[in-house]
Amino acid sequence: MTPADNRAVVRRFLDEVVAEGRFELLTELCAPDVVNHAAAPERRHGVENIKAVLGFSLGAQPDQRWVERHFIADGDLVVVYGRRVGTWQAPGFRGVPTPESGEVSVELAHMFRLRDAKIVEHWAVRDDLGMLQQLGAISAGS
């Protein structure tokens, strides 16, 4: 697979699985033993756990959308960097209580490693602290 082919797989994952909620495509786009390094330890391994993590994310922000997105592909790696916005609609995040409604804008980067046209690993760097501050769950002075 070329870097362009890998970029196309990641684009489908973001546009069709994440944005449209088409979880049935996960088995086509992810290896069965996919590892999501950005998830809680009990949710890191396998397609069903990817589905669970995405289900929480889409439930917490059903209107989430990228307002800036850049793809960089090199070998078997694809990095997506940008900003995602949406309305937070969950009572908490990683153990921190949050208001159940609030607009957020989060800068983030996702990195995917692919093998044989399937995602085998995922990492993420997100501004979770900034998101919690935007929601008023944590003050800037804390």
N, C-alpha and C. Protein backbone atom coordinates (compact mmCIF):
# COMPACT_ATOMS: atom_id res chain seq x y z
N MET A 1 0.84 -1.18 0.00
CA MET A 1 0.00 0.00 0.00
C MET A 1 0.89 1.25 0.00
N THR A 2 0.48 2.23 -0.75
CA THR A 2 1.21 3.50 -0.80
C THR A 2 0.71 4.42 0.31
N PRO A 3 1.47 5.47 0.64
CA PRO A 3 0.97 6.44 1.61
C PRO A 3 -0.39 7.03 1.20
N ALA A 4 -0.59 7.25 -0.08
CA ALA A 4 -1.88 7.77 -0.55
C ALA A 4 -3.01 6.77 -0.29
N ASP A 5 -2.74 5.47 -0.49
CA ASP A 5 -3.74 4.44 -0.19
C ASP A 5 -4.08 4.44 1.30
N ASN A 6 -3.05 4.54 2.13
CA ASN A 6 -3.26 4.56 3.58
C ASN A 6 -4.06 5.79 4.00
N ARG A 7 -3.73 6.93 3.41
CA ARG A 7 -4.47 8.17 3.70
C ARG A 7 -5.95 7.99 3.34
N ALA A 8 -6.24 7.32 2.23
CA ALA A 8 -7.62 7.09 1.81
C ALA A 8 -8.37 6.21 2.82
N VAL A 9 -7.71 5.21 3.39
CA VAL A 9 -8.35 4.36 4.40
C VAL A 9 -8.69 5.20 5.64
N VAL A 10 -7.76 6.01 6.09
CA VAL A 10 -8.00 6.85 7.28
C VAL A 10 -9.10 7.87 7.00
N ARG A 11 -9.09 8.44 5.82
CA ARG A 11 -10.15 9.40 5.45
C ARG A 11 -11.53 8.72 5.51
N ARG A 12 -11.61 7.50 5.00
CA ARG A 12 -12.89 6.76 5.07
C ARG A 12 -13.27 6.49 6.52
N PHE A 13 -12.29 6.12 7.34
CA PHE A 13 -12.56 5.87 8.76
C PHE A 13 -13.16 7.13 9.40
N LEU A 14 -12.56 8.28 9.17
CA LEU A 14 -13.04 9.53 9.78
C LEU A 14 -14.37 9.99 9.17
N ASP A 15 -14.47 9.92 7.85
CA ASP A 15 -15.66 10.46 7.17
C ASP A 15 -16.87 9.53 7.22
N GLU A 16 -16.64 8.24 7.14
CA GLU A 16 -17.76 7.31 7.07
C GLU A 16 -18.08 6.65 8.42
N VAL A 17 -17.05 6.23 9.15
CA VAL A 17 -17.30 5.57 10.43
C VAL A 17 -17.58 6.62 11.51
N VAL A 18 -16.66 7.56 11.70
CA VAL A 18 -16.81 8.53 12.78
C VAL A 18 -17.90 9.55 12.46
N ALA A 19 -17.82 10.22 11.33
CA ALA A 19 -18.78 11.30 11.02
C ALA A 19 -20.18 10.77 10.75
N GLU A 20 -20.29 9.61 10.12
CA GLU A 20 -21.61 9.09 9.76
C GLU A 20 -22.10 7.98 10.69
N GLY A 21 -21.23 7.53 11.61
CA GLY A 21 -21.64 6.47 12.53
C GLY A 21 -21.81 5.11 11.89
N ARG A 22 -21.12 4.86 10.79
CA ARG A 22 -21.26 3.59 10.05
C ARG A 22 -20.31 2.54 10.62
N PHE A 23 -20.63 2.07 11.82
CA PHE A 23 -19.76 1.14 12.53
C PHE A 23 -19.59 -0.19 11.80
N GLU A 24 -20.51 -0.52 10.91
CA GLU A 24 -20.39 -1.78 10.17
C GLU A 24 -19.13 -1.80 9.30
N LEU A 25 -18.57 -0.63 9.01
CA LEU A 25 -17.35 -0.55 8.20
C LEU A 25 -16.08 -0.82 9.00
N LEU A 26 -16.18 -0.90 10.33
CA LEU A 26 -14.98 -1.09 11.15
C LEU A 26 -14.24 -2.37 10.79
N THR A 27 -14.94 -3.45 10.50
CA THR A 27 -14.25 -4.70 10.17
C THR A 27 -13.55 -4.61 8.81
N GLU A 28 -14.01 -3.73 7.95
CA GLU A 28 -13.36 -3.52 6.65
C GLU A 28 -12.12 -2.64 6.79
N LEU A 29 -12.17 -1.66 7.69
CA LEU A 29 -11.11 -0.65 7.79
C LEU A 29 -10.10 -0.91 8.90
N CYS A 30 -10.43 -1.75 9.88
CA CYS A 30 -9.55 -2.02 11.01
C CYS A 30 -9.22 -3.51 11.10
N ALA A 31 -7.99 -3.80 11.52
CA ALA A 31 -7.61 -5.19 11.78
C ALA A 31 -8.37 -5.66 13.02
N PRO A 32 -8.67 -6.97 13.10
CA PRO A 32 -9.41 -7.47 14.27
C PRO A 32 -8.70 -7.17 15.60
N ASP A 33 -7.36 -7.17 15.58
CA ASP A 33 -6.59 -6.93 16.80
C ASP A 33 -6.08 -5.49 16.90
N VAL A 34 -6.79 -4.53 16.29
CA VAL A 34 -6.41 -3.13 16.32
C VAL A 34 -6.17 -2.67 17.76
N VAL A 35 -5.16 -1.81 17.94
CA VAL A 35 -4.84 -1.28 19.27
C VAL A 35 -5.06 0.23 19.25
N ASN A 36 -5.90 0.71 20.15
CA ASN A 36 -6.18 2.13 20.30
C ASN A 36 -5.44 2.62 21.55
N HIS A 37 -4.23 3.13 21.37
CA HIS A 37 -3.40 3.56 22.49
C HIS A 37 -3.98 4.75 23.24
N ALA A 38 -4.92 5.46 22.64
CA ALA A 38 -5.52 6.65 23.26
C ALA A 38 -6.68 6.31 24.19
N ALA A 39 -7.13 5.07 24.19
CA ALA A 39 -8.29 4.66 24.99
C ALA A 39 -7.84 4.24 26.39
N ALA A 40 -8.79 4.18 27.29
CA ALA A 40 -8.54 3.63 28.63
C ALA A 40 -8.06 2.19 28.47
N PRO A 41 -7.22 1.69 29.38
CA PRO A 41 -6.62 0.35 29.22
C PRO A 41 -7.63 -0.75 28.90
N GLU A 42 -8.79 -0.72 29.52
CA GLU A 42 -9.77 -1.79 29.28
C GLU A 42 -10.47 -1.65 27.93
N ARG A 43 -10.23 -0.57 27.21
CA ARG A 43 -10.87 -0.33 25.90
C ARG A 43 -9.85 -0.24 24.76
N ARG A 44 -8.64 -0.72 24.95
CA ARG A 44 -7.58 -0.53 23.96
C ARG A 44 -7.55 -1.53 22.82
N HIS A 45 -8.05 -2.72 23.02
CA HIS A 45 -7.81 -3.80 22.05
C HIS A 45 -9.07 -4.25 21.35
N GLY A 46 -9.00 -4.33 20.02
CA GLY A 46 -10.05 -4.93 19.23
C GLY A 46 -11.08 -3.97 18.67
N VAL A 47 -11.75 -4.45 17.64
CA VAL A 47 -12.75 -3.66 16.92
C VAL A 47 -13.94 -3.29 17.81
N GLU A 48 -14.38 -4.21 18.66
CA GLU A 48 -15.53 -3.91 19.52
C GLU A 48 -15.22 -2.76 20.47
N ASN A 49 -13.99 -2.67 20.94
CA ASN A 49 -13.63 -1.56 21.81
C ASN A 49 -13.49 -0.25 21.04
N ILE A 50 -13.05 -0.30 19.79
CA ILE A 50 -13.07 0.91 18.95
C ILE A 50 -14.51 1.40 18.84
N LYS A 51 -15.42 0.46 18.60
CA LYS A 51 -16.83 0.80 18.48
C LYS A 51 -17.34 1.44 19.78
N ALA A 52 -16.97 0.90 20.93
CA ALA A 52 -17.42 1.44 22.22
C ALA A 52 -16.88 2.85 22.44
N VAL A 53 -15.62 3.08 22.14
CA VAL A 53 -15.02 4.41 22.32
C VAL A 53 -15.68 5.41 21.38
N LEU A 54 -15.87 5.02 20.13
CA LEU A 54 -16.53 5.93 19.18
C LEU A 54 -17.99 6.18 19.59
N GLY A 55 -18.64 5.16 20.12
CA GLY A 55 -20.01 5.34 20.59
C GLY A 55 -20.10 6.38 21.68
N PHE A 56 -19.14 6.35 22.64
CA PHE A 56 -19.13 7.38 23.68
C PHE A 56 -18.88 8.75 23.07
N SER A 57 -17.89 8.84 22.19
CA SER A 57 -17.53 10.13 21.58
C SER A 57 -18.71 10.72 20.82
N LEU A 58 -19.37 9.90 20.03
CA LEU A 58 -20.51 10.40 19.26
C LEU A 58 -21.72 10.71 20.14
N GLY A 59 -21.87 9.98 21.24
CA GLY A 59 -22.93 10.29 22.19
C GLY A 59 -22.67 11.59 22.93
N ALA A 60 -21.39 11.82 23.26
CA ALA A 60 -21.02 13.03 23.99
C ALA A 60 -21.07 14.27 23.10
N GLN A 61 -20.77 14.10 21.82
CA GLN A 61 -20.79 15.21 20.86
C GLN A 61 -21.37 14.74 19.54
N PRO A 62 -22.69 14.56 19.46
CA PRO A 62 -23.27 14.04 18.23
C PRO A 62 -23.11 14.96 17.03
N ASP A 63 -22.87 16.24 17.26
CA ASP A 63 -22.70 17.18 16.15
C ASP A 63 -21.22 17.51 15.88
N GLN A 64 -20.30 16.70 16.41
CA GLN A 64 -18.88 17.00 16.23
C GLN A 64 -18.51 17.04 14.75
N ARG A 65 -17.65 17.99 14.42
CA ARG A 65 -17.20 18.12 13.03
C ARG A 65 -15.84 18.78 13.00
N TRP A 66 -15.06 18.42 12.02
CA TRP A 66 -13.75 19.02 11.81
C TRP A 66 -13.95 20.37 11.12
N VAL A 67 -13.33 21.41 11.63
CA VAL A 67 -13.35 22.71 10.96
C VAL A 67 -12.00 23.01 10.33
N GLU A 68 -11.02 22.23 10.69
CA GLU A 68 -9.69 22.29 10.08
C GLU A 68 -9.14 20.87 10.15
N ARG A 69 -8.58 20.37 9.04
CA ARG A 69 -8.07 19.01 9.03
C ARG A 69 -6.97 18.89 7.99
N HIS A 70 -5.83 18.35 8.41
CA HIS A 70 -4.68 18.16 7.52
C HIS A 70 -4.19 16.73 7.64
N PHE A 71 -3.93 16.09 6.52
CA PHE A 71 -3.44 14.72 6.48
C PHE A 71 -1.97 14.72 6.07
N ILE A 72 -1.18 13.92 6.77
CA ILE A 72 0.22 13.70 6.41
C ILE A 72 0.43 12.19 6.41
N ALA A 73 0.90 11.66 5.30
CA ALA A 73 1.11 10.22 5.19
C ALA A 73 2.56 9.94 4.82
N ASP A 74 3.16 8.97 5.51
CA ASP A 74 4.53 8.57 5.24
C ASP A 74 4.65 7.08 5.55
N GLY A 75 4.95 6.28 4.55
CA GLY A 75 5.04 4.84 4.76
C GLY A 75 3.73 4.29 5.26
N ASP A 76 3.78 3.58 6.40
CA ASP A 76 2.56 2.97 6.94
C ASP A 76 1.86 3.85 7.97
N LEU A 77 2.30 5.11 8.11
CA LEU A 77 1.71 6.02 9.09
C LEU A 77 0.92 7.14 8.42
N VAL A 78 -0.20 7.51 9.05
CA VAL A 78 -1.01 8.65 8.61
C VAL A 78 -1.30 9.48 9.85
N VAL A 79 -1.01 10.78 9.77
CA VAL A 79 -1.31 11.72 10.85
C VAL A 79 -2.38 12.68 10.37
N VAL A 80 -3.36 12.91 11.22
CA VAL A 80 -4.42 13.88 10.94
C VAL A 80 -4.37 14.90 12.06
N TYR A 81 -4.17 16.15 11.67
CA TYR A 81 -4.08 17.25 12.64
C TYR A 81 -5.16 18.28 12.31
N GLY A 82 -5.75 18.86 13.35
CA GLY A 82 -6.72 19.92 13.08
C GLY A 82 -7.49 20.33 14.31
N ARG A 83 -8.67 20.86 14.06
CA ARG A 83 -9.55 21.35 15.12
C ARG A 83 -10.95 20.78 14.87
N ARG A 84 -11.54 20.29 15.97
CA ARG A 84 -12.88 19.73 15.90
C ARG A 84 -13.77 20.52 16.85
N VAL A 85 -14.98 20.82 16.42
CA VAL A 85 -15.93 21.57 17.24
C VAL A 85 -17.20 20.74 17.42
N GLY A 86 -17.97 21.08 18.45
CA GLY A 86 -19.23 20.40 18.68
C GLY A 86 -19.85 20.84 19.98
N THR A 87 -21.01 20.29 20.26
CA THR A 87 -21.74 20.59 21.49
C THR A 87 -21.59 19.40 22.43
N TRP A 88 -20.96 19.64 23.58
CA TRP A 88 -20.77 18.58 24.58
C TRP A 88 -22.11 18.25 25.21
N GLN A 89 -22.44 16.94 25.29
CA GLN A 89 -23.74 16.52 25.82
C GLN A 89 -23.61 15.30 26.73
N ALA A 90 -22.54 15.24 27.52
CA ALA A 90 -22.34 14.11 28.44
C ALA A 90 -22.15 14.65 29.86
N PRO A 91 -22.47 13.85 30.87
CA PRO A 91 -22.34 14.33 32.25
C PRO A 91 -20.91 14.33 32.79
N GLY A 92 -19.97 13.77 32.03
CA GLY A 92 -18.60 13.75 32.51
C GLY A 92 -17.63 13.28 31.45
N PHE A 93 -16.34 13.45 31.76
CA PHE A 93 -15.28 13.00 30.86
C PHE A 93 -14.12 12.49 31.69
N ARG A 94 -13.80 11.21 31.55
CA ARG A 94 -12.69 10.56 32.26
C ARG A 94 -12.71 10.88 33.75
N GLY A 95 -13.90 10.76 34.34
CA GLY A 95 -14.05 10.93 35.77
C GLY A 95 -14.28 12.35 36.25
N VAL A 96 -14.26 13.31 35.33
CA VAL A 96 -14.50 14.71 35.70
C VAL A 96 -15.93 15.07 35.33
N PRO A 97 -16.76 15.47 36.31
CA PRO A 97 -18.13 15.89 35.97
C PRO A 97 -18.10 17.12 35.07
N THR A 98 -19.00 17.15 34.09
CA THR A 98 -19.08 18.29 33.17
C THR A 98 -20.53 18.74 33.06
N PRO A 99 -20.74 20.02 32.73
CA PRO A 99 -22.10 20.44 32.39
C PRO A 99 -22.55 19.62 31.18
N GLU A 100 -23.81 19.31 31.11
CA GLU A 100 -24.28 18.45 30.02
C GLU A 100 -24.55 19.19 28.73
N SER A 101 -24.13 20.43 28.63
CA SER A 101 -24.25 21.15 27.37
C SER A 101 -23.23 22.26 27.34
N GLY A 102 -22.56 22.36 26.23
CA GLY A 102 -21.58 23.42 26.05
C GLY A 102 -20.85 23.26 24.74
N GLU A 103 -20.57 24.38 24.11
CA GLU A 103 -19.81 24.37 22.86
C GLU A 103 -18.33 24.20 23.18
N VAL A 104 -17.66 23.34 22.42
CA VAL A 104 -16.23 23.15 22.59
C VAL A 104 -15.53 23.17 21.23
N SER A 105 -14.30 23.61 21.26
CA SER A 105 -13.44 23.62 20.08
C SER A 105 -12.10 23.05 20.54
N VAL A 106 -11.70 21.91 19.99
CA VAL A 106 -10.54 21.19 20.49
C VAL A 106 -9.53 20.96 19.38
N GLU A 107 -8.29 21.31 19.66
CA GLU A 107 -7.18 21.02 18.76
C GLU A 107 -6.73 19.59 19.05
N LEU A 108 -6.45 18.82 17.98
CA LEU A 108 -6.05 17.43 18.19
C LEU A 108 -5.25 16.89 17.03
N ALA A 109 -4.56 15.80 17.32
CA ALA A 109 -3.82 15.07 16.29
C ALA A 109 -4.06 13.58 16.51
N HIS A 110 -4.33 12.87 15.44
CA HIS A 110 -4.49 11.42 15.48
C HIS A 110 -3.42 10.81 14.58
N MET A 111 -2.81 9.72 15.03
CA MET A 111 -1.86 9.00 14.20
C MET A 111 -2.34 7.56 14.07
N PHE A 112 -2.30 7.06 12.86
CA PHE A 112 -2.73 5.71 12.55
C PHE A 112 -1.58 4.96 11.89
N ARG A 113 -1.40 3.69 12.25
CA ARG A 113 -0.48 2.82 11.53
C ARG A 113 -1.33 1.78 10.83
N LEU A 114 -1.01 1.54 9.56
CA LEU A 114 -1.79 0.61 8.74
C LEU A 114 -0.93 -0.54 8.26
N ARG A 115 -1.59 -1.66 8.04
CA ARG A 115 -0.95 -2.83 7.44
C ARG A 115 -2.00 -3.50 6.57
N ASP A 116 -1.65 -3.77 5.33
CA ASP A 116 -2.56 -4.45 4.39
C ASP A 116 -3.91 -3.74 4.29
N ALA A 117 -3.89 -2.41 4.19
CA ALA A 117 -5.07 -1.56 4.00
C ALA A 117 -6.03 -1.56 5.20
N LYS A 118 -5.49 -1.89 6.38
CA LYS A 118 -6.31 -1.86 7.60
C LYS A 118 -5.56 -1.11 8.70
N ILE A 119 -6.33 -0.40 9.50
CA ILE A 119 -5.75 0.30 10.65
C ILE A 119 -5.40 -0.75 11.71
N VAL A 120 -4.13 -0.73 12.16
CA VAL A 120 -3.69 -1.69 13.18
C VAL A 120 -3.36 -0.99 14.50
N GLU A 121 -3.05 0.32 14.45
CA GLU A 121 -2.79 1.07 15.68
C GLU A 121 -3.27 2.50 15.53
N HIS A 122 -3.65 3.09 16.67
CA HIS A 122 -4.12 4.48 16.70
C HIS A 122 -3.59 5.15 17.97
N TRP A 123 -3.12 6.38 17.81
CA TRP A 123 -2.71 7.23 18.93
C TRP A 123 -3.43 8.57 18.77
N ALA A 124 -3.62 9.29 19.86
CA ALA A 124 -4.24 10.61 19.78
C ALA A 124 -3.59 11.54 20.79
N VAL A 125 -3.46 12.80 20.39
CA VAL A 125 -3.05 13.87 21.28
C VAL A 125 -4.14 14.92 21.17
N ARG A 126 -4.86 15.12 22.30
CA ARG A 126 -5.99 16.05 22.30
C ARG A 126 -5.79 17.06 23.43
N ASP A 127 -6.40 18.19 23.28
CA ASP A 127 -6.38 19.20 24.34
C ASP A 127 -7.58 18.98 25.26
N ASP A 128 -7.55 17.88 26.03
CA ASP A 128 -8.64 17.56 26.94
C ASP A 128 -8.77 18.60 28.04
N LEU A 129 -7.64 19.11 28.54
CA LEU A 129 -7.68 20.14 29.57
C LEU A 129 -8.39 21.39 29.05
N GLY A 130 -8.04 21.81 27.84
CA GLY A 130 -8.70 22.97 27.24
C GLY A 130 -10.19 22.75 27.07
N MET A 131 -10.58 21.52 26.68
CA MET A 131 -11.99 21.21 26.53
C MET A 131 -12.71 21.32 27.87
N LEU A 132 -12.12 20.75 28.93
CA LEU A 132 -12.74 20.81 30.26
C LEU A 132 -12.82 22.25 30.77
N GLN A 133 -11.83 23.07 30.44
CA GLN A 133 -11.88 24.48 30.82
C GLN A 133 -12.99 25.20 30.05
N GLN A 134 -13.14 24.91 28.76
CA GLN A 134 -14.21 25.53 27.97
C GLN A 134 -15.58 25.18 28.55
N LEU A 135 -15.72 23.98 29.07
CA LEU A 135 -16.99 23.54 29.65
C LEU A 135 -17.21 24.08 31.07
N GLY A 136 -16.17 24.67 31.64
CA GLY A 136 -16.28 25.17 33.01
C GLY A 136 -16.14 24.08 34.05
N ALA A 137 -15.71 22.88 33.66
CA ALA A 137 -15.53 21.77 34.60
C ALA A 137 -14.25 21.95 35.42
N ILE A 138 -13.28 22.65 34.85
CA ILE A 138 -12.01 22.94 35.52
C ILE A 138 -11.71 24.40 35.26
N SER A 139 -11.34 25.13 36.29
CA SER A 139 -11.01 26.53 36.07
C SER A 139 -9.57 26.66 35.57
N ALA A 140 -9.30 27.72 34.86
CA ALA A 140 -7.97 27.95 34.30
C ALA A 140 -6.94 28.10 35.41
N GLY A 141 -7.35 28.52 36.59
CA GLY A 141 -6.43 28.71 37.71
C GLY A 141 -6.23 27.48 38.56
N SER A 142 -6.92 26.36 38.24
CA SER A 142 -6.82 25.15 39.08
C SER A 142 -5.49 24.46 38.90
